[in-house]
C-alpha cells in the first residue's frame, strides 16, 4: 500500500492509520529511521532497493511477516555503516531463509548429516555437502565460494561484531556467487 513519500521503502517508523468506510488513510508517521545516507551512494541504494523488491515478490501482500523485518533493517544499517555489500547481502539472505526454516545448514552435510569441514565441501540446490557426498565433477565447486568459516561468521556474528568484522581474503565475486545461490533458494521458497 502506497501513501506517498512518507512510506518510502527505507522509512521506518510507527504508522498511524485511519480507516474510512471506503479507504485506508495515513494519519501520521513517527519516523524512527530514514536511512538518508543510502540515497547518497547509488550502489547502496540499488542494493537496498533490490532487497526491497525481493521482499515484495517473496512475501504475501497483507500478511505480516515480522520475522523478516529485523534482518532487513539490520542489512540497511550495515550498508549505511559501510560494511561490504556482498557480505551484508549474504547475511540478510541467510537470516531471511533461517526465519523461514529454509537456510542451508552451515555445520552439517545436507545429504548425510556429517560435520562440514573447512575444506572439501560443495553447494547443492538446497544445502552444503561434505567431501564424501560431493560428486567428483563438482569437487572444485566450493572454490568459487568464500571460505566456510567466513560464511558462518557472516551469518552468526552478533550485529556489533559483524559491523566491524572483515572476511579473510575478501573476494567480491565469490560472495556474489554465494549470494546468487541463496537468492535462488529464496526465489524457489517464495
N, C-alpha and C. Protein backbone atom coordinates (compact mmCIF):
# COMPACT_ATOMS: atom_id res chain seq x y z
N UNK A 1 0.85 -1.17 0.00
CA UNK A 1 0.00 0.00 0.00
C UNK A 1 0.90 1.23 0.00
N UNK A 2 0.63 2.14 -0.91
CA UNK A 2 1.45 3.35 -1.02
C UNK A 2 0.70 4.55 -0.45
N UNK A 3 1.39 5.33 0.36
CA UNK A 3 0.83 6.57 0.91
C UNK A 3 1.60 7.79 0.41
N UNK A 4 2.50 7.60 -0.53
CA UNK A 4 3.32 8.72 -0.99
C UNK A 4 4.69 8.66 -0.37
N UNK A 5 5.38 9.79 -0.34
CA UNK A 5 6.76 9.86 0.13
C UNK A 5 6.98 9.43 1.55
N UNK A 6 5.96 9.48 2.40
CA UNK A 6 6.13 9.13 3.81
C UNK A 6 6.39 7.65 4.00
N UNK A 7 6.14 6.85 3.00
CA UNK A 7 6.35 5.41 3.16
C UNK A 7 7.36 4.88 2.16
N UNK A 8 8.38 5.64 1.87
CA UNK A 8 9.44 5.12 1.03
C UNK A 8 9.97 3.85 1.69
N UNK A 9 10.54 2.93 0.89
CA UNK A 9 10.95 1.65 1.46
C UNK A 9 11.97 1.75 2.59
N UNK A 10 12.68 2.86 2.69
CA UNK A 10 13.70 2.98 3.73
C UNK A 10 13.24 3.80 4.92
N UNK A 11 11.98 4.18 4.98
CA UNK A 11 11.46 4.93 6.12
C UNK A 11 10.86 3.93 7.11
N UNK A 12 11.43 3.91 8.31
CA UNK A 12 10.96 3.02 9.36
C UNK A 12 10.36 3.88 10.46
N UNK A 13 9.19 3.51 10.92
CA UNK A 13 8.55 4.28 11.97
C UNK A 13 7.25 3.65 12.42
N UNK A 14 6.52 4.41 13.20
CA UNK A 14 5.21 3.98 13.67
C UNK A 14 4.18 4.71 12.82
N UNK A 15 3.38 3.94 12.11
CA UNK A 15 2.40 4.49 11.19
C UNK A 15 1.02 4.46 11.85
N UNK A 16 0.38 5.61 11.92
CA UNK A 16 -0.96 5.72 12.49
C UNK A 16 -1.94 5.83 11.33
N UNK A 17 -2.85 4.88 11.26
CA UNK A 17 -3.78 4.79 10.14
C UNK A 17 -5.20 5.09 10.57
N UNK A 18 -5.99 5.50 9.62
CA UNK A 18 -7.42 5.74 9.83
C UNK A 18 -8.16 5.03 8.71
N UNK A 19 -9.15 4.25 9.07
CA UNK A 19 -9.93 3.53 8.06
C UNK A 19 -11.28 4.21 7.90
N UNK A 20 -11.52 4.72 6.71
CA UNK A 20 -12.84 5.28 6.38
C UNK A 20 -13.68 4.13 5.83
N UNK A 21 -14.94 4.36 5.58
CA UNK A 21 -15.76 3.27 5.03
C UNK A 21 -15.21 2.71 3.71
N UNK A 22 -14.46 3.51 2.96
CA UNK A 22 -14.01 3.06 1.65
C UNK A 22 -12.50 2.85 1.53
N UNK A 23 -11.72 3.56 2.33
CA UNK A 23 -10.27 3.54 2.14
C UNK A 23 -9.53 3.55 3.46
N UNK A 24 -8.25 3.28 3.34
CA UNK A 24 -7.34 3.38 4.47
C UNK A 24 -6.52 4.65 4.27
N UNK A 25 -6.41 5.48 5.31
CA UNK A 25 -5.70 6.75 5.21
C UNK A 25 -4.56 6.78 6.22
N UNK A 26 -3.50 7.46 5.85
CA UNK A 26 -2.38 7.67 6.74
C UNK A 26 -2.63 8.94 7.54
N UNK A 27 -2.73 8.79 8.85
CA UNK A 27 -2.95 9.95 9.71
C UNK A 27 -1.63 10.64 10.01
N UNK A 28 -0.64 9.88 10.50
CA UNK A 28 0.68 10.45 10.78
C UNK A 28 1.71 9.33 10.88
N UNK A 29 2.97 9.73 10.80
CA UNK A 29 4.08 8.80 10.90
C UNK A 29 5.08 9.35 11.91
N UNK A 30 5.43 8.53 12.88
CA UNK A 30 6.52 8.86 13.80
C UNK A 30 7.78 8.18 13.24
N UNK A 31 8.59 8.91 12.49
CA UNK A 31 9.76 8.34 11.83
C UNK A 31 10.83 8.01 12.86
N UNK A 32 11.28 6.76 12.85
CA UNK A 32 12.34 6.32 13.76
C UNK A 32 13.68 6.23 13.03
N UNK A 33 13.64 5.88 11.75
CA UNK A 33 14.86 5.77 10.95
C UNK A 33 14.50 6.03 9.49
N UNK A 34 15.34 6.80 8.80
CA UNK A 34 15.02 7.15 7.41
C UNK A 34 16.08 6.69 6.42
N UNK A 35 17.25 6.32 6.87
CA UNK A 35 18.33 5.83 6.01
C UNK A 35 18.65 6.79 4.86
N UNK A 36 18.67 8.08 5.14
CA UNK A 36 19.01 9.07 4.12
C UNK A 36 20.38 8.81 3.52
N UNK A 37 21.29 8.29 4.32
CA UNK A 37 22.66 8.08 3.85
C UNK A 37 22.72 7.14 2.65
N UNK A 38 21.78 6.19 2.58
CA UNK A 38 21.77 5.24 1.46
C UNK A 38 21.51 5.96 0.14
N UNK A 39 20.77 7.03 0.19
CA UNK A 39 20.43 7.77 -1.03
C UNK A 39 21.64 8.50 -1.61
N UNK A 40 22.68 8.71 -0.81
CA UNK A 40 23.86 9.43 -1.29
C UNK A 40 24.85 8.52 -2.02
N UNK A 41 24.64 7.21 -1.94
CA UNK A 41 25.53 6.25 -2.60
C UNK A 41 24.71 5.37 -3.54
N UNK A 42 24.81 5.56 -4.85
CA UNK A 42 23.98 4.80 -5.79
C UNK A 42 24.07 3.29 -5.62
N UNK A 43 25.27 2.77 -5.35
CA UNK A 43 25.41 1.31 -5.19
C UNK A 43 24.63 0.82 -3.98
N UNK A 44 24.70 1.56 -2.88
CA UNK A 44 23.95 1.18 -1.68
C UNK A 44 22.46 1.24 -1.96
N UNK A 45 22.03 2.31 -2.62
CA UNK A 45 20.61 2.49 -2.92
C UNK A 45 20.11 1.35 -3.81
N UNK A 46 20.88 1.02 -4.86
CA UNK A 46 20.48 -0.08 -5.74
C UNK A 46 20.37 -1.39 -4.97
N UNK A 47 21.34 -1.65 -4.11
CA UNK A 47 21.34 -2.91 -3.36
C UNK A 47 20.14 -2.97 -2.42
N UNK A 48 19.91 -1.90 -1.68
CA UNK A 48 18.76 -1.86 -0.77
C UNK A 48 17.44 -2.00 -1.49
N UNK A 49 17.30 -1.34 -2.63
CA UNK A 49 16.06 -1.44 -3.41
C UNK A 49 15.89 -2.83 -4.02
N UNK A 50 17.00 -3.48 -4.37
CA UNK A 50 16.88 -4.85 -4.89
C UNK A 50 16.38 -5.79 -3.80
N UNK A 51 16.84 -5.58 -2.55
CA UNK A 51 16.34 -6.39 -1.44
C UNK A 51 14.86 -6.11 -1.21
N UNK A 52 14.49 -4.83 -1.28
CA UNK A 52 13.10 -4.45 -1.10
C UNK A 52 12.23 -5.11 -2.16
N UNK A 53 12.68 -5.10 -3.41
CA UNK A 53 11.92 -5.73 -4.50
C UNK A 53 11.79 -7.23 -4.26
N UNK A 54 12.84 -7.87 -3.77
CA UNK A 54 12.79 -9.29 -3.47
C UNK A 54 11.79 -9.57 -2.35
N UNK A 55 11.76 -8.70 -1.35
CA UNK A 55 10.76 -8.84 -0.27
C UNK A 55 9.35 -8.72 -0.83
N UNK A 56 9.14 -7.75 -1.70
CA UNK A 56 7.80 -7.54 -2.27
C UNK A 56 7.37 -8.77 -3.07
N UNK A 57 8.30 -9.35 -3.84
CA UNK A 57 7.97 -10.54 -4.62
C UNK A 57 7.79 -11.78 -3.75
N UNK A 58 8.55 -11.86 -2.66
CA UNK A 58 8.56 -13.08 -1.87
C UNK A 58 7.56 -13.17 -0.74
N UNK A 59 6.98 -12.04 -0.33
CA UNK A 59 6.05 -12.05 0.80
C UNK A 59 4.61 -11.89 0.31
N UNK A 60 3.70 -12.48 1.04
CA UNK A 60 2.28 -12.38 0.69
C UNK A 60 1.75 -11.00 1.06
N UNK A 61 1.10 -10.32 0.13
CA UNK A 61 0.53 -8.99 0.44
C UNK A 61 -0.52 -9.08 1.55
N UNK A 62 -0.46 -8.16 2.48
CA UNK A 62 -1.44 -8.09 3.55
C UNK A 62 -1.21 -9.05 4.70
N UNK A 63 -0.20 -9.91 4.60
CA UNK A 63 0.10 -10.84 5.69
C UNK A 63 1.38 -10.39 6.38
N UNK A 64 1.35 -10.26 7.70
CA UNK A 64 2.56 -9.83 8.40
C UNK A 64 3.65 -10.90 8.30
N UNK A 65 4.84 -10.46 8.15
CA UNK A 65 5.99 -11.36 8.13
C UNK A 65 7.08 -10.69 8.97
N UNK A 66 6.76 -10.51 10.24
CA UNK A 66 7.61 -9.73 11.14
C UNK A 66 9.01 -10.31 11.33
N UNK A 67 9.16 -11.62 11.12
CA UNK A 67 10.48 -12.21 11.34
C UNK A 67 11.50 -11.80 10.28
N UNK A 68 11.05 -11.26 9.15
CA UNK A 68 11.97 -10.84 8.09
C UNK A 68 12.36 -9.36 8.25
N UNK A 69 11.57 -8.60 8.98
CA UNK A 69 11.85 -7.17 9.12
C UNK A 69 13.17 -6.87 9.85
N UNK A 70 13.48 -7.52 10.99
CA UNK A 70 14.76 -7.21 11.64
C UNK A 70 15.99 -7.47 10.75
N UNK A 71 16.06 -8.62 10.04
CA UNK A 71 17.24 -8.79 9.16
C UNK A 71 17.32 -7.72 8.06
N UNK A 72 16.17 -7.29 7.53
CA UNK A 72 16.16 -6.24 6.51
C UNK A 72 16.64 -4.92 7.10
N UNK A 73 16.13 -4.58 8.27
CA UNK A 73 16.56 -3.34 8.94
C UNK A 73 18.06 -3.36 9.20
N UNK A 74 18.57 -4.47 9.74
CA UNK A 74 19.99 -4.56 10.04
C UNK A 74 20.83 -4.50 8.77
N UNK A 75 20.35 -5.12 7.70
CA UNK A 75 21.09 -5.08 6.43
C UNK A 75 21.22 -3.65 5.94
N UNK A 76 20.14 -2.89 6.00
CA UNK A 76 20.20 -1.48 5.60
C UNK A 76 21.15 -0.70 6.52
N UNK A 77 21.13 -1.02 7.81
CA UNK A 77 22.03 -0.37 8.77
C UNK A 77 23.49 -0.67 8.44
N UNK A 78 23.78 -1.92 8.10
CA UNK A 78 25.16 -2.30 7.77
C UNK A 78 25.63 -1.60 6.50
N UNK A 79 24.74 -1.48 5.51
CA UNK A 79 25.11 -0.73 4.30
C UNK A 79 25.49 0.70 4.66
N UNK A 80 24.65 1.32 5.47
CA UNK A 80 24.89 2.71 5.88
C UNK A 80 26.23 2.85 6.59
N UNK A 81 26.62 1.82 7.36
CA UNK A 81 27.88 1.86 8.10
C UNK A 81 29.08 1.52 7.23
N UNK A 82 28.84 1.17 5.97
CA UNK A 82 29.94 0.87 5.06
C UNK A 82 30.42 -0.56 5.08
N UNK A 83 29.65 -1.47 5.67
CA UNK A 83 30.01 -2.89 5.64
C UNK A 83 29.87 -3.37 4.20
N UNK A 84 30.71 -4.28 3.78
CA UNK A 84 30.68 -4.80 2.41
C UNK A 84 29.27 -5.18 1.98
N UNK A 85 28.87 -4.71 0.81
CA UNK A 85 27.54 -5.02 0.29
C UNK A 85 27.34 -6.52 0.10
N UNK A 86 28.37 -7.20 -0.42
CA UNK A 86 28.25 -8.62 -0.71
C UNK A 86 28.09 -9.43 0.57
N UNK A 87 28.89 -9.12 1.57
CA UNK A 87 28.82 -9.86 2.83
C UNK A 87 27.51 -9.54 3.55
N UNK A 88 27.07 -8.29 3.50
CA UNK A 88 25.79 -7.91 4.10
C UNK A 88 24.64 -8.64 3.42
N UNK A 89 24.72 -8.75 2.10
CA UNK A 89 23.65 -9.46 1.37
C UNK A 89 23.60 -10.92 1.79
N UNK A 90 24.77 -11.57 1.91
CA UNK A 90 24.79 -12.97 2.36
C UNK A 90 24.08 -13.08 3.71
N UNK A 91 24.44 -12.21 4.63
CA UNK A 91 23.85 -12.25 5.97
C UNK A 91 22.34 -12.06 5.89
N UNK A 92 21.87 -11.07 5.14
CA UNK A 92 20.44 -10.80 5.02
C UNK A 92 19.71 -12.01 4.43
N UNK A 93 20.21 -12.54 3.32
CA UNK A 93 19.54 -13.69 2.70
C UNK A 93 19.54 -14.89 3.63
N UNK A 94 20.68 -15.15 4.29
CA UNK A 94 20.75 -16.31 5.17
C UNK A 94 19.78 -16.14 6.36
N UNK A 95 19.74 -14.94 6.95
CA UNK A 95 18.83 -14.69 8.08
C UNK A 95 17.37 -14.82 7.64
N UNK A 96 17.06 -14.32 6.47
CA UNK A 96 15.70 -14.44 5.94
C UNK A 96 15.33 -15.91 5.76
N UNK A 97 16.19 -16.69 5.11
CA UNK A 97 15.94 -18.11 4.93
C UNK A 97 15.85 -18.83 6.27
N UNK A 98 16.69 -18.44 7.21
CA UNK A 98 16.66 -19.05 8.54
C UNK A 98 15.32 -18.78 9.23
N UNK A 99 14.80 -17.57 9.09
CA UNK A 99 13.50 -17.24 9.68
C UNK A 99 12.39 -18.11 9.10
N UNK A 100 12.54 -18.50 7.86
CA UNK A 100 11.55 -19.36 7.20
C UNK A 100 11.86 -20.85 7.35
N UNK A 101 12.98 -21.18 8.02
CA UNK A 101 13.35 -22.57 8.18
C UNK A 101 13.95 -23.18 6.93
N UNK A 102 14.47 -22.36 6.02
CA UNK A 102 15.00 -22.83 4.74
C UNK A 102 16.50 -22.57 4.57
N UNK A 103 17.14 -21.98 5.57
CA UNK A 103 18.56 -21.64 5.43
C UNK A 103 19.40 -22.91 5.34
N UNK A 104 20.41 -22.91 4.47
CA UNK A 104 21.30 -24.06 4.42
C UNK A 104 22.04 -24.21 5.74
N UNK A 105 22.15 -25.45 6.20
CA UNK A 105 22.89 -25.73 7.43
C UNK A 105 24.37 -25.50 7.15
N UNK A 106 25.01 -24.69 7.95
CA UNK A 106 26.42 -24.37 7.75
C UNK A 106 27.33 -25.27 8.58
N UNK A 107 26.75 -26.23 9.28
CA UNK A 107 27.54 -27.14 10.11
C UNK A 107 27.48 -28.59 9.64
N UNK A 108 26.38 -28.98 9.02
CA UNK A 108 26.15 -30.38 8.66
C UNK A 108 25.87 -30.54 7.17
N UNK A 109 26.29 -31.67 6.64
CA UNK A 109 26.06 -32.01 5.24
C UNK A 109 24.56 -32.20 5.00
N UNK A 110 24.05 -31.62 3.93
CA UNK A 110 22.63 -31.74 3.60
C UNK A 110 22.27 -33.14 3.14
N UNK A 111 23.26 -33.93 2.71
CA UNK A 111 22.99 -35.28 2.23
C UNK A 111 23.09 -36.34 3.32
N UNK A 112 24.22 -36.34 4.07
CA UNK A 112 24.44 -37.42 5.04
C UNK A 112 24.43 -36.96 6.49
N UNK A 113 24.48 -35.66 6.75
CA UNK A 113 24.45 -35.15 8.12
C UNK A 113 25.80 -35.07 8.80
N UNK A 114 26.88 -35.43 8.10
CA UNK A 114 28.22 -35.35 8.68
C UNK A 114 28.62 -33.89 8.88
N UNK A 115 29.55 -33.67 9.81
CA UNK A 115 30.05 -32.31 10.03
C UNK A 115 30.78 -31.81 8.79
N UNK A 116 30.55 -30.55 8.46
CA UNK A 116 31.25 -29.94 7.33
C UNK A 116 32.62 -29.47 7.78
N UNK A 117 33.62 -29.80 7.02
CA UNK A 117 34.99 -29.35 7.29
C UNK A 117 35.25 -28.09 6.49
N UNK A 118 36.25 -27.34 6.90
CA UNK A 118 36.59 -26.09 6.21
C UNK A 118 36.96 -26.33 4.75
N UNK A 119 37.48 -27.50 4.43
CA UNK A 119 37.86 -27.84 3.05
C UNK A 119 37.02 -29.01 2.58
N UNK A 120 36.84 -29.12 1.28
CA UNK A 120 36.21 -30.29 0.69
C UNK A 120 34.70 -30.32 0.78
N UNK A 121 34.06 -29.19 0.74
CA UNK A 121 32.60 -29.16 0.75
C UNK A 121 32.13 -28.52 -0.54
N UNK A 122 30.86 -28.66 -0.83
CA UNK A 122 30.33 -28.05 -2.05
C UNK A 122 28.86 -27.71 -1.89
N UNK A 123 28.40 -26.70 -2.62
CA UNK A 123 26.99 -26.32 -2.56
C UNK A 123 26.13 -27.24 -3.42
N UNK A 124 24.92 -27.48 -2.99
CA UNK A 124 23.95 -28.18 -3.82
C UNK A 124 22.69 -27.33 -3.82
N UNK A 125 21.66 -27.81 -4.45
CA UNK A 125 20.46 -26.99 -4.62
C UNK A 125 19.91 -26.45 -3.31
N UNK A 126 19.85 -27.25 -2.27
CA UNK A 126 19.23 -26.82 -1.01
C UNK A 126 20.16 -26.82 0.19
N UNK A 127 21.44 -27.06 0.00
CA UNK A 127 22.32 -27.08 1.16
C UNK A 127 23.77 -27.29 0.76
N UNK A 128 24.60 -27.56 1.75
CA UNK A 128 26.02 -27.80 1.52
C UNK A 128 26.30 -29.28 1.73
N UNK A 129 27.20 -29.83 0.93
CA UNK A 129 27.55 -31.24 1.04
C UNK A 129 28.99 -31.39 1.51
N UNK A 130 29.23 -32.47 2.23
CA UNK A 130 30.59 -32.77 2.70
C UNK A 130 31.40 -33.35 1.54
N UNK A 131 32.70 -33.52 1.78
CA UNK A 131 33.60 -34.03 0.74
C UNK A 131 33.17 -35.41 0.25
N UNK A 132 32.64 -36.25 1.14
CA UNK A 132 32.24 -37.60 0.75
C UNK A 132 31.02 -37.59 -0.17
N UNK A 133 30.18 -36.58 -0.06
CA UNK A 133 28.94 -36.53 -0.85
C UNK A 133 29.04 -35.67 -2.11
N UNK A 134 30.11 -34.91 -2.24
CA UNK A 134 30.27 -34.05 -3.42
C UNK A 134 30.73 -34.93 -4.59
N UNK A 135 29.97 -34.97 -5.69
CA UNK A 135 30.40 -35.77 -6.84
C UNK A 135 31.75 -35.28 -7.37
N UNK A 136 32.53 -36.18 -7.94
CA UNK A 136 33.88 -35.86 -8.43
C UNK A 136 33.87 -34.64 -9.37
N UNK A 137 32.90 -34.56 -10.27
CA UNK A 137 32.91 -33.46 -11.24
C UNK A 137 32.64 -32.11 -10.58
N UNK A 138 32.11 -32.10 -9.35
CA UNK A 138 31.82 -30.84 -8.66
C UNK A 138 32.79 -30.56 -7.53
N UNK A 139 33.88 -31.32 -7.46
CA UNK A 139 34.81 -31.19 -6.35
C UNK A 139 35.30 -29.77 -6.12
N UNK A 140 35.49 -29.02 -7.18
CA UNK A 140 36.01 -27.66 -7.04
C UNK A 140 34.93 -26.60 -6.87
N UNK A 141 33.67 -27.00 -6.73
CA UNK A 141 32.58 -26.02 -6.65
C UNK A 141 32.75 -25.05 -5.48
N UNK A 142 33.22 -25.55 -4.34
CA UNK A 142 33.37 -24.68 -3.17
C UNK A 142 34.49 -23.67 -3.36
N UNK A 143 35.40 -23.94 -4.28
CA UNK A 143 36.50 -23.00 -4.51
C UNK A 143 35.98 -21.66 -5.06
N UNK A 144 34.80 -21.66 -5.67
CA UNK A 144 34.21 -20.42 -6.16
C UNK A 144 33.44 -19.67 -5.10
N UNK A 145 33.37 -20.23 -3.88
CA UNK A 145 32.64 -19.63 -2.77
C UNK A 145 33.63 -19.07 -1.75
N UNK A 146 33.17 -18.18 -0.88
CA UNK A 146 34.03 -17.74 0.22
C UNK A 146 34.34 -18.92 1.16
N UNK A 147 35.37 -18.82 1.99
CA UNK A 147 35.66 -19.89 2.95
C UNK A 147 34.45 -20.16 3.86
N UNK A 148 34.26 -21.42 4.20
CA UNK A 148 33.12 -21.81 5.02
C UNK A 148 33.08 -21.05 6.34
N UNK A 149 34.23 -20.85 6.96
CA UNK A 149 34.25 -20.12 8.24
C UNK A 149 33.79 -18.68 8.07
N UNK A 150 34.09 -18.06 6.93
CA UNK A 150 33.60 -16.70 6.67
C UNK A 150 32.09 -16.69 6.48
N UNK A 151 31.56 -17.69 5.79
CA UNK A 151 30.10 -17.78 5.62
C UNK A 151 29.42 -17.91 6.98
N UNK A 152 30.02 -18.73 7.83
CA UNK A 152 29.46 -18.93 9.18
C UNK A 152 29.50 -17.63 9.98
N UNK A 153 30.64 -16.95 9.97
CA UNK A 153 30.76 -15.70 10.72
C UNK A 153 29.76 -14.66 10.22
N UNK A 154 29.64 -14.54 8.90
CA UNK A 154 28.71 -13.56 8.33
C UNK A 154 27.28 -13.85 8.77
N UNK A 155 26.94 -15.11 8.91
CA UNK A 155 25.58 -15.47 9.30
C UNK A 155 25.35 -15.36 10.80
N UNK A 156 26.35 -15.68 11.60
CA UNK A 156 26.13 -15.87 13.03
C UNK A 156 26.64 -14.78 13.95
N UNK A 157 27.56 -13.94 13.51
CA UNK A 157 28.09 -12.92 14.42
C UNK A 157 26.99 -11.98 14.91
N UNK A 158 27.07 -11.55 16.18
CA UNK A 158 26.13 -10.53 16.66
C UNK A 158 26.31 -9.25 15.83
N UNK A 159 25.27 -8.42 15.72
CA UNK A 159 25.34 -7.23 14.86
C UNK A 159 26.55 -6.33 15.08
N UNK A 160 26.90 -6.04 16.32
CA UNK A 160 28.03 -5.13 16.57
C UNK A 160 29.35 -5.73 16.10
N UNK A 161 29.53 -7.03 16.33
CA UNK A 161 30.75 -7.69 15.88
C UNK A 161 30.78 -7.81 14.36
N UNK A 162 29.62 -8.09 13.77
CA UNK A 162 29.55 -8.21 12.31
C UNK A 162 29.95 -6.90 11.64
N UNK A 163 29.47 -5.79 12.18
CA UNK A 163 29.74 -4.48 11.57
C UNK A 163 31.23 -4.17 11.52
N UNK A 164 32.01 -4.70 12.45
CA UNK A 164 33.45 -4.40 12.48
C UNK A 164 34.30 -5.54 11.92
N UNK A 165 33.70 -6.64 11.52
CA UNK A 165 34.43 -7.81 11.02
C UNK A 165 34.69 -7.69 9.52
N UNK A 166 35.85 -8.16 9.09
CA UNK A 166 36.17 -8.21 7.66
C UNK A 166 36.58 -9.64 7.33
N UNK A 167 35.96 -10.24 6.30
CA UNK A 167 36.33 -11.61 5.93
C UNK A 167 37.79 -11.71 5.49
N UNK A 168 38.37 -12.90 5.71
CA UNK A 168 39.74 -13.15 5.26
C UNK A 168 39.74 -13.27 3.74
N UNK A 169 40.78 -12.79 3.10
CA UNK A 169 40.92 -12.90 1.64
C UNK A 169 39.62 -12.53 0.92
N UNK A 170 39.08 -11.38 1.25
CA UNK A 170 37.79 -10.96 0.70
C UNK A 170 37.85 -10.85 -0.82
N UNK A 171 36.96 -11.57 -1.48
CA UNK A 171 36.86 -11.52 -2.94
C UNK A 171 35.39 -11.36 -3.30
N UNK A 172 34.96 -10.16 -3.71
CA UNK A 172 33.55 -9.92 -4.03
C UNK A 172 32.91 -10.92 -4.98
N UNK A 173 33.61 -11.39 -6.06
CA UNK A 173 32.94 -12.34 -6.95
C UNK A 173 32.53 -13.64 -6.25
N UNK A 174 33.33 -14.07 -5.29
CA UNK A 174 32.97 -15.30 -4.56
C UNK A 174 31.71 -15.07 -3.72
N UNK A 175 31.64 -13.91 -3.07
CA UNK A 175 30.45 -13.61 -2.27
C UNK A 175 29.24 -13.43 -3.18
N UNK A 176 29.44 -12.83 -4.35
CA UNK A 176 28.33 -12.65 -5.30
C UNK A 176 27.80 -14.01 -5.74
N UNK A 177 28.69 -14.97 -5.96
CA UNK A 177 28.24 -16.32 -6.34
C UNK A 177 27.46 -16.97 -5.20
N UNK A 178 27.96 -16.84 -3.98
CA UNK A 178 27.26 -17.40 -2.82
C UNK A 178 25.89 -16.72 -2.65
N UNK A 179 25.84 -15.41 -2.88
CA UNK A 179 24.56 -14.69 -2.77
C UNK A 179 23.58 -15.14 -3.84
N UNK A 180 24.08 -15.39 -5.05
CA UNK A 180 23.21 -15.89 -6.11
C UNK A 180 22.61 -17.23 -5.75
N UNK A 181 23.41 -18.06 -5.09
CA UNK A 181 22.93 -19.37 -4.64
C UNK A 181 21.81 -19.20 -3.60
N UNK A 182 22.02 -18.33 -2.60
CA UNK A 182 20.98 -18.10 -1.59
C UNK A 182 19.75 -17.45 -2.22
N UNK A 183 19.96 -16.52 -3.15
CA UNK A 183 18.83 -15.86 -3.82
C UNK A 183 17.98 -16.90 -4.56
N UNK A 184 18.63 -17.87 -5.19
CA UNK A 184 17.86 -18.91 -5.91
C UNK A 184 17.03 -19.74 -4.94
N UNK A 185 17.57 -20.01 -3.75
CA UNK A 185 16.79 -20.73 -2.73
C UNK A 185 15.60 -19.88 -2.30
N UNK A 186 15.83 -18.57 -2.11
CA UNK A 186 14.74 -17.66 -1.73
C UNK A 186 13.64 -17.63 -2.78
N UNK A 187 14.03 -17.53 -4.04
CA UNK A 187 13.05 -17.45 -5.12
C UNK A 187 12.23 -18.74 -5.18
N UNK A 188 12.88 -19.89 -5.02
CA UNK A 188 12.15 -21.17 -5.02
C UNK A 188 11.25 -21.31 -3.80
N UNK A 189 11.63 -20.67 -2.69
CA UNK A 189 10.85 -20.77 -1.45
C UNK A 189 9.62 -19.87 -1.46
N UNK A 190 9.67 -18.79 -2.23
CA UNK A 190 8.62 -17.76 -2.20
C UNK A 190 7.41 -18.09 -2.93
